[in-house]
Protein backbone atom coordinates (compact mmCIF):
# COMPACT_ATOMS: atom_id res chain seq x y z
CA UNK A 1 -20.17 -25.52 -1.38
CA UNK A 2 -17.31 -27.93 -1.65
CA UNK A 3 -16.98 -30.65 0.94
CA UNK A 4 -14.35 -32.54 2.87
CA UNK A 5 -10.74 -31.50 2.42
CA UNK A 6 -11.70 -28.34 0.48
CA UNK A 7 -13.78 -27.11 3.43
CA UNK A 8 -10.88 -27.78 5.83
CA UNK A 9 -8.53 -25.81 3.58
CA UNK A 10 -10.98 -22.91 3.40
CA UNK A 11 -11.47 -22.90 7.18
CA UNK A 12 -7.68 -22.79 7.63
CA UNK A 13 -7.24 -20.16 4.90
CA UNK A 14 -9.80 -17.82 6.45
CA UNK A 15 -7.68 -17.67 9.61
CA UNK A 16 -4.96 -15.87 7.63
CA UNK A 17 -7.41 -13.12 6.61
CA UNK A 18 -7.02 -10.30 9.16
CA UNK A 19 -10.77 -9.71 9.64
CA UNK A 20 -11.28 -13.41 10.39
CA UNK A 21 -8.05 -14.03 12.33
CA UNK A 22 -9.73 -13.85 15.75
CA UNK A 23 -12.50 -16.24 14.86
CA UNK A 24 -12.70 -19.82 16.10
CA UNK A 25 -12.56 -22.85 13.78
CA UNK A 26 -16.29 -23.34 14.47
CA UNK A 27 -17.04 -19.75 13.43
CA UNK A 28 -14.93 -20.08 10.28
CA UNK A 29 -16.71 -23.35 9.46
CA UNK A 30 -20.03 -21.51 9.70
CA UNK A 31 -18.74 -18.84 7.30
CA UNK A 32 -17.58 -21.51 4.84
CA UNK A 33 -21.04 -23.10 4.82
CA UNK A 34 -22.61 -19.70 4.07
CA UNK A 35 -20.25 -18.79 1.23
CA UNK A 36 -19.69 -20.34 -2.17
CA UNK A 37 -16.88 -21.26 -4.49
CA UNK A 38 -16.84 -19.39 -7.81
CA UNK A 39 -14.67 -19.39 -10.93
CA UNK A 40 -13.30 -16.29 -12.60
CA UNK A 41 -12.21 -16.66 -16.23
CA UNK A 42 -8.83 -15.29 -17.30
CA UNK A 43 -9.30 -11.71 -18.52
CA UNK A 44 -12.60 -11.15 -16.69
CA UNK A 45 -13.05 -8.19 -14.36
CA UNK A 46 -15.36 -9.43 -11.59
CA UNK A 47 -14.82 -6.29 -9.49
CA UNK A 48 -14.99 -2.81 -11.00
CA UNK A 49 -13.78 0.29 -9.15
CA UNK A 50 -16.68 2.54 -8.19
CA UNK A 51 -19.34 -0.14 -8.57
CA UNK A 52 -21.57 -1.28 -5.75
CA UNK A 53 -20.33 -4.41 -4.09
CA UNK A 54 -21.19 -6.48 -1.07
CA UNK A 55 -18.87 -9.48 -1.17
CA UNK A 56 -15.43 -10.60 -0.10
CA UNK A 57 -13.34 -13.02 -2.19
CA UNK A 58 -10.55 -15.32 -1.02
CA UNK A 59 -8.43 -16.48 -3.95
CA UNK A 60 -7.93 -20.21 -3.74
CA UNK A 61 -6.25 -20.75 -7.14
CA UNK A 62 -4.94 -18.39 -9.80
CA UNK A 63 -3.82 -14.77 -9.86
CA UNK A 64 -5.61 -11.45 -10.24
CA UNK A 65 -4.48 -7.88 -10.73
CA UNK A 66 -5.80 -5.10 -8.50
CA UNK A 67 -5.92 -1.64 -10.12
CA UNK A 68 -6.94 1.75 -8.79
CA UNK A 69 -7.44 4.62 -11.18
CA UNK A 70 -6.08 2.41 -13.95
CA UNK A 71 -2.75 1.80 -12.19
CA UNK A 72 -1.64 -1.57 -10.84
CA UNK A 73 -1.70 -1.66 -7.06
CA UNK A 74 -1.08 -5.35 -6.51
CA UNK A 75 -1.15 -8.84 -7.91
CA UNK A 76 -2.93 -11.27 -5.60
CA UNK A 77 -2.85 -15.03 -5.62
CA UNK A 78 -3.69 -18.11 -3.62
CA UNK A 79 -4.44 -17.30 0.02
CA UNK A 80 -4.88 -13.58 -0.62
CA UNK A 81 -8.17 -11.69 -0.65
CA UNK A 82 -10.04 -8.73 -2.10
CA UNK A 83 -13.36 -7.07 -1.37
CA UNK A 84 -13.21 -6.91 2.42
CA UNK A 85 -14.14 -3.21 2.43
CA UNK A 86 -17.32 -3.86 0.42
CA UNK A 87 -18.17 -6.76 2.71
CA UNK A 88 -18.12 -4.56 5.78
CA UNK A 89 -19.35 -1.25 4.38
CA UNK A 90 -21.90 0.06 1.94
CA UNK A 91 -19.33 2.06 0.00
CA UNK A 92 -18.42 1.68 -3.69
CA UNK A 93 -15.59 -0.65 -4.69
CA UNK A 94 -12.23 1.03 -4.08
CA UNK A 95 -10.40 -0.85 -6.86
CA UNK A 96 -10.90 -3.09 -9.89
CA UNK A 97 -9.83 -6.73 -9.98
CA UNK A 98 -9.02 -8.54 -13.22
CA UNK A 99 -8.24 -12.26 -13.40
CA UNK A 100 -4.73 -12.80 -14.82
CA UNK A 101 -5.46 -16.54 -15.07
CA UNK A 102 -8.46 -18.74 -14.47
CA UNK A 103 -9.20 -18.35 -10.75
CA UNK A 104 -11.13 -20.29 -8.14
CA UNK A 105 -12.37 -18.03 -5.34
CA UNK A 106 -14.39 -18.36 -2.17
CA UNK A 107 -17.09 -15.68 -2.05
CA UNK A 108 -18.82 -14.45 1.08
CA UNK A 109 -21.56 -11.85 0.69
CA UNK A 110 -22.89 -9.34 3.20
CA UNK A 111 -26.28 -11.13 3.57
CA UNK A 112 -24.48 -14.37 4.51
CA UNK A 113 -22.26 -12.51 6.96
CA UNK A 114 -25.32 -10.84 8.50
CA UNK A 115 -26.91 -14.28 8.98
CA UNK A 116 -23.73 -15.52 10.67
CA UNK A 117 -23.75 -12.49 12.99
CA UNK A 118 -27.37 -13.16 13.90
CA UNK A 119 -26.50 -16.73 14.85
CA UNK A 120 -23.26 -15.86 16.67
CA UNK A 121 -22.81 -12.38 18.16
CA UNK A 122 -19.28 -13.31 19.30
CA UNK A 123 -18.32 -13.61 15.62
CA UNK A 124 -19.42 -10.01 15.07
CA UNK A 125 -17.39 -8.86 18.08
CA UNK A 126 -14.27 -10.73 16.93
CA UNK A 127 -14.51 -9.19 13.47
CA UNK A 128 -15.21 -5.72 14.86
CA UNK A 129 -12.06 -5.94 17.00
CA UNK A 130 -10.03 -7.02 13.96
CA UNK A 131 -11.36 -4.14 11.85
CA UNK A 132 -10.67 -1.64 14.66
CA UNK A 133 -7.11 -2.95 15.01
CA UNK A 134 -6.58 -2.75 11.26
CA UNK A 135 -7.88 0.83 11.17
CA UNK A 136 -5.57 1.72 14.08
CA UNK A 137 -2.66 0.31 12.12
CA UNK A 138 -1.91 -2.52 14.52
CA UNK A 139 -2.56 -5.37 12.07
């Protein structure tokens, strides 16, 4: 995991992600220590629709294309995220993601999230409330 200023930026960036918005800086710091920074090469497809997945990715640098059924749904860049459904559920990936440029991403897997929940049940409650609000259409 990166240190210093990079960690601070990640902690701040996670606050803008709806499922982490209700978490405290301390809780986000814990998540940052459990995740890792990865690089996606331009043209790679790190997420394939229909595949099994158990990780969330926050794009720190670069851009990626999100496609569903072969059609472009979105282009995501710095500060945006993909994979939150796979992080929270055991369902197949709902879309593919292809790097349009070299990307630096923060990855958080389900096992790391489960460890965070075990250490801090309030984190689980905060995220559950955020997911419920999102499902109700209030986020």
